[in-house]
Amino acid sequence: MAANELIMHIVPLQRNTEIVTLLKSCGLSVEDLHENSRTQFFGLSSSSGLAGVIGVEHYGTYGLIRSLAVHVTFRSEGIGRMLVKHAEQWAKKQGMTELFLLTTTASGFFSRLGYTDSSRSDAPEAIQRTPQFSSLCPSSSQFMHKLISA
């Protein structure tokens, strides 16, 4: 296998040191991630380690996308899009109908994937109670959502 060749199979992951390291290297918060977290992670690996990861927190019919991170070596290769699509498909199978997210840097990326701006005051109560929404993400973060069911 060539150096940094991608293994093109997205797999479910449990929170581990490799995920935490990638999230921190991308400037994302990890303070509320722990072993019994509500977050289901999915990752895409390369021959040299984790190339990208995404997490989805499940709150009934709502989900909170968090922790989308792609290693700098693999940016602009479509990994983020693949991970988001996979997370959306998984969320649908879990009975979620709408996904939410907070971002300070990736609103354009998520807009291209069908996410739209939303007012924080319109967030469902379950999402408002999350650490991401209530304290970890700055109030300047853009709040976005997407309906994922027909």
C-alpha atoms as a PDB file:
ATOM      1  CA  MET A   1       0.000   0.000   0.000  1.00  0.00           C
ATOM      2  CA  ALA A   2       1.294   3.463  -0.888  1.00  0.00           C
ATOM      3  CA  ALA A   3       2.070   5.916   1.892  1.00  0.00           C
ATOM      4  CA  ASN A   4      -1.126   7.428   3.283  1.00  0.00           C
ATOM      5  CA  GLU A   5      -3.345   5.354   0.987  1.00  0.00           C
ATOM      6  CA  LEU A   6      -6.970   5.522   2.102  1.00  0.00           C
ATOM      7  CA  ILE A   7      -8.905   2.482   3.175  1.00  0.00           C
ATOM      8  CA  MET A   8     -12.243   3.424   1.595  1.00  0.00           C
ATOM      9  CA  HIS A   9     -14.496   1.802   4.157  1.00  0.00           C
ATOM     10  CA  ILE A  10     -16.233   3.861   6.815  1.00  0.00           C
ATOM     11  CA  VAL A  11     -16.545   1.959  10.065  1.00  0.00           C
ATOM     12  CA  PRO A  12     -18.182   2.630  13.432  1.00  0.00           C
ATOM     13  CA  LEU A  13     -15.691   3.522  16.131  1.00  0.00           C
ATOM     14  CA  GLN A  14     -15.699   3.833  19.890  1.00  0.00           C
ATOM     15  CA  ARG A  15     -14.131   6.937  21.388  1.00  0.00           C
ATOM     16  CA  ASN A  16     -10.393   6.346  21.554  1.00  0.00           C
ATOM     17  CA  THR A  17      -7.100   8.207  21.753  1.00  0.00           C
ATOM     18  CA  GLU A  18      -6.743   8.401  17.964  1.00  0.00           C
ATOM     19  CA  ILE A  19     -10.135  10.132  17.632  1.00  0.00           C
ATOM     20  CA  VAL A  20      -9.376  12.550  20.461  1.00  0.00           C
ATOM     21  CA  THR A  21      -5.972  13.385  18.948  1.00  0.00           C
ATOM     22  CA  LEU A  22      -7.483  14.091  15.499  1.00  0.00           C
ATOM     23  CA  LEU A  23     -10.270  16.231  16.985  1.00  0.00           C
ATOM     24  CA  LYS A  24      -7.807  18.268  19.034  1.00  0.00           C
ATOM     25  CA  SER A  25      -5.508  18.743  16.015  1.00  0.00           C
ATOM     26  CA  CYS A  26      -8.495  20.242  14.164  1.00  0.00           C
ATOM     27  CA  GLY A  27      -9.329  22.573  17.047  1.00  0.00           C
ATOM     28  CA  LEU A  28     -12.509  20.757  18.099  1.00  0.00           C
ATOM     29  CA  SER A  29     -13.683  20.336  21.676  1.00  0.00           C
ATOM     30  CA  VAL A  30     -13.375  16.978  23.396  1.00  0.00           C
ATOM     31  CA  GLU A  31     -14.210  18.017  26.965  1.00  0.00           C
ATOM     32  CA  ASP A  32     -17.610  16.320  26.977  1.00  0.00           C
ATOM     33  CA  LEU A  33     -16.547  13.129  25.217  1.00  0.00           C
ATOM     34  CA  HIS A  34     -16.228  10.182  27.532  1.00  0.00           C
ATOM     35  CA  GLU A  35     -16.641   6.428  27.397  1.00  0.00           C
ATOM     36  CA  ASN A  36     -20.410   6.419  27.914  1.00  0.00           C
ATOM     37  CA  SER A  37     -21.094   9.389  25.646  1.00  0.00           C
ATOM     38  CA  ARG A  38     -24.183   9.477  23.392  1.00  0.00           C
ATOM     39  CA  THR A  39     -21.892  10.038  20.433  1.00  0.00           C
ATOM     40  CA  GLN A  40     -21.568   7.373  17.754  1.00  0.00           C
ATOM     41  CA  PHE A  41     -18.371   7.886  15.793  1.00  0.00           C
ATOM     42  CA  PHE A  42     -17.552   6.766  12.269  1.00  0.00           C
ATOM     43  CA  GLY A  43     -14.106   6.857  10.780  1.00  0.00           C
ATOM     44  CA  LEU A  44     -12.173   6.431   7.577  1.00  0.00           C
ATOM     45  CA  SER A  45      -8.594   5.251   7.882  1.00  0.00           C
ATOM     46  CA  SER A  46      -5.417   5.480   5.901  1.00  0.00           C
ATOM     47  CA  SER A  47      -2.375   3.269   6.024  1.00  0.00           C
ATOM     48  CA  SER A  48      -0.887   5.755   8.492  1.00  0.00           C
ATOM     49  CA  GLY A  49      -3.899   6.132  10.792  1.00  0.00           C
ATOM     50  CA  LEU A  50      -7.257   7.855  11.089  1.00  0.00           C
ATOM     51  CA  ALA A  51      -7.908  10.100   8.072  1.00  0.00           C
ATOM     52  CA  GLY A  52     -11.310  11.405   9.109  1.00  0.00           C
ATOM     53  CA  VAL A  53     -14.003  11.041  11.735  1.00  0.00           C
ATOM     54  CA  ILE A  54     -17.550  12.202  12.400  1.00  0.00           C
ATOM     55  CA  GLY A  55     -19.774  11.857  15.437  1.00  0.00           C
ATOM     56  CA  VAL A  56     -23.538  11.927  15.800  1.00  0.00           C
ATOM     57  CA  GLU A  57     -25.332  12.319  19.109  1.00  0.00           C
ATOM     58  CA  HIS A  58     -28.795  10.714  19.163  1.00  0.00           C
ATOM     59  CA  TYR A  59     -31.711  12.519  20.846  1.00  0.00           C
ATOM     60  CA  GLY A  60     -34.896  10.734  19.771  1.00  0.00           C
ATOM     61  CA  THR A  61     -35.850  12.026  16.321  1.00  0.00           C
ATOM     62  CA  TYR A  62     -33.051  14.610  16.432  1.00  0.00           C
ATOM     63  CA  GLY A  63     -29.346  14.232  15.986  1.00  0.00           C
ATOM     64  CA  LEU A  64     -26.430  16.548  16.608  1.00  0.00           C
ATOM     65  CA  ILE A  65     -23.539  16.243  14.192  1.00  0.00           C
ATOM     66  CA  ARG A  66     -20.366  16.933  15.992  1.00  0.00           C
ATOM     67  CA  SER A  67     -16.727  16.328  15.616  1.00  0.00           C
ATOM     68  CA  LEU A  68     -16.362  16.201  11.838  1.00  0.00           C
ATOM     69  CA  ALA A  69     -12.607  16.244  11.404  1.00  0.00           C
ATOM     70  CA  VAL A  70     -10.349  15.381   8.481  1.00  0.00           C
ATOM     71  CA  HIS A  71      -6.605  15.052   8.883  1.00  0.00           C
ATOM     72  CA  VAL A  72      -4.825  17.894   7.062  1.00  0.00           C
ATOM     73  CA  THR A  73      -3.128  15.370   4.722  1.00  0.00           C
ATOM     74  CA  PHE A  74      -6.511  14.286   3.329  1.00  0.00           C
ATOM     75  CA  ARG A  75      -8.430  17.541   3.012  1.00  0.00           C
ATOM     76  CA  SER A  76     -10.071  18.343  -0.345  1.00  0.00           C
ATOM     77  CA  GLU A  77     -10.374  14.631  -1.205  1.00  0.00           C
ATOM     78  CA  GLY A  78     -14.100  14.281  -0.433  1.00  0.00           C
ATOM     79  CA  ILE A  79     -13.657  12.552   2.913  1.00  0.00           C
ATOM     80  CA  GLY A  80     -15.802  15.084   4.776  1.00  0.00           C
ATOM     81  CA  ARG A  81     -18.660  14.652   2.289  1.00  0.00           C
ATOM     82  CA  MET A  82     -18.431  10.853   2.539  1.00  0.00           C
ATOM     83  CA  LEU A  83     -18.484  10.953   6.327  1.00  0.00           C
ATOM     84  CA  VAL A  84     -21.465  13.323   6.462  1.00  0.00           C
ATOM     85  CA  LYS A  85     -23.414  11.180   3.980  1.00  0.00           C
ATOM     86  CA  HIS A  86     -22.661   8.068   6.010  1.00  0.00           C
ATOM     87  CA  ALA A  87     -23.710   9.790   9.247  1.00  0.00           C
ATOM     88  CA  GLU A  88     -26.973  10.955   7.650  1.00  0.00           C
ATOM     89  CA  GLN A  89     -27.772   7.436   6.427  1.00  0.00           C
ATOM     90  CA  TRP A  90     -27.014   5.979   9.850  1.00  0.00           C
ATOM     91  CA  ALA A  91     -29.160   8.644  11.545  1.00  0.00           C
ATOM     92  CA  LYS A  92     -32.124   7.812   9.281  1.00  0.00           C
ATOM     93  CA  LYS A  93     -31.814   4.137  10.189  1.00  0.00           C
ATOM     94  CA  GLN A  94     -31.896   5.125  13.866  1.00  0.00           C
ATOM     95  CA  GLY A  95     -35.201   6.999  13.343  1.00  0.00           C
ATOM     96  CA  MET A  96     -33.810  10.511  13.314  1.00  0.00           C
ATOM     97  CA  THR A  97     -35.585  12.955  11.042  1.00  0.00           C
ATOM     98  CA  GLU A  98     -33.503  16.090  11.492  1.00  0.00           C
ATOM     99  CA  LEU A  99     -29.824  16.784  12.099  1.00  0.00           C
ATOM    100  CA  PHE A 100     -28.352  19.880  13.710  1.00  0.00           C
ATOM    101  CA  LEU A 101     -24.833  21.220  14.045  1.00  0.00           C
ATOM    102  CA  LEU A 102     -22.831  24.160  15.303  1.00  0.00           C
ATOM    103  CA  THR A 103     -19.829  25.458  13.406  1.00  0.00           C
ATOM    104  CA  THR A 104     -17.466  28.382  13.466  1.00  0.00           C
ATOM    105  CA  THR A 105     -15.560  27.520  10.288  1.00  0.00           C
ATOM    106  CA  ALA A 106     -17.496  25.107   8.057  1.00  0.00           C
ATOM    107  CA  SER A 107     -20.847  26.724   7.291  1.00  0.00           C
ATOM    108  CA  GLY A 108     -20.060  26.916   3.563  1.00  0.00           C
ATOM    109  CA  PHE A 109     -19.161  23.221   3.476  1.00  0.00           C
ATOM    110  CA  PHE A 110     -22.370  22.211   5.248  1.00  0.00           C
ATOM    111  CA  SER A 111     -24.483  24.598   3.118  1.00  0.00           C
ATOM    112  CA  ARG A 112     -23.266  22.750   0.020  1.00  0.00           C
ATOM    113  CA  LEU A 113     -24.516  19.528   1.625  1.00  0.00           C
ATOM    114  CA  GLY A 114     -28.035  20.885   2.150  1.00  0.00           C
ATOM    115  CA  TYR A 115     -27.777  22.281   5.685  1.00  0.00           C
ATOM    116  CA  THR A 116     -29.436  25.622   6.264  1.00  0.00           C
ATOM    117  CA  ASP A 117     -28.965  28.349   8.851  1.00  0.00           C
ATOM    118  CA  SER A 118     -31.316  28.224  11.771  1.00  0.00           C
ATOM    119  CA  SER A 119     -31.944  30.432  14.773  1.00  0.00           C
ATOM    120  CA  ARG A 120     -30.616  29.029  18.023  1.00  0.00           C
ATOM    121  CA  SER A 121     -33.949  29.935  19.607  1.00  0.00           C
ATOM    122  CA  ASP A 122     -35.649  27.454  17.236  1.00  0.00           C
ATOM    123  CA  ALA A 123     -33.515  24.522  18.378  1.00  0.00           C
ATOM    124  CA  PRO A 124     -35.394  21.606  19.903  1.00  0.00           C
ATOM    125  CA  GLU A 125     -35.093  21.449  23.689  1.00  0.00           C
ATOM    126  CA  ALA A 126     -33.045  18.218  23.553  1.00  0.00           C
ATOM    127  CA  ILE A 127     -30.441  19.944  21.369  1.00  0.00           C
ATOM    128  CA  GLN A 128     -30.438  23.084  23.524  1.00  0.00           C
ATOM    129  CA  ARG A 129     -29.539  20.950  26.566  1.00  0.00           C
ATOM    130  CA  THR A 130     -26.410  19.482  24.954  1.00  0.00           C
ATOM    131  CA  PRO A 131     -23.022  20.697  26.193  1.00  0.00           C
ATOM    132  CA  GLN A 132     -22.121  21.647  22.615  1.00  0.00           C
ATOM    133  CA  PHE A 133     -25.115  23.968  22.341  1.00  0.00           C
ATOM    134  CA  SER A 134     -25.244  25.299  25.893  1.00  0.00           C
ATOM    135  CA  SER A 135     -21.598  25.892  26.736  1.00  0.00           C
ATOM    136  CA  LEU A 136     -18.854  24.400  24.556  1.00  0.00           C
ATOM    137  CA  CYS A 137     -19.516  26.166  21.257  1.00  0.00           C
ATOM    138  CA  PRO A 138     -19.275  29.953  21.329  1.00  0.00           C
ATOM    139  CA  SER A 139     -22.428  31.982  20.840  1.00  0.00           C
ATOM    140  CA  SER A 140     -20.916  33.188  17.566  1.00  0.00           C
ATOM    141  CA  SER A 141     -21.159  29.626  16.164  1.00  0.00           C
ATOM    142  CA  GLN A 142     -23.481  29.177  13.258  1.00  0.00           C
ATOM    143  CA  PHE A 143     -26.417  26.863  14.042  1.00  0.00           C
ATOM    144  CA  MET A 144     -27.560  24.779  11.084  1.00  0.00           C
ATOM    145  CA  HIS A 145     -30.014  21.955  10.395  1.00  0.00           C
ATOM    146  CA  LYS A 146     -31.146  19.532   7.722  1.00  0.00           C
ATOM    147  CA  LEU A 147     -34.265  17.395   7.369  1.00  0.00           C
ATOM    148  CA  ILE A 148     -33.118  13.869   6.552  1.00  0.00           C
ATOM    149  CA  SER A 149     -36.447  12.088   6.115  1.00  0.00           C
ATOM    150  CA  ALA A 150     -38.975  12.383   3.305  1.00  0.00           C
END
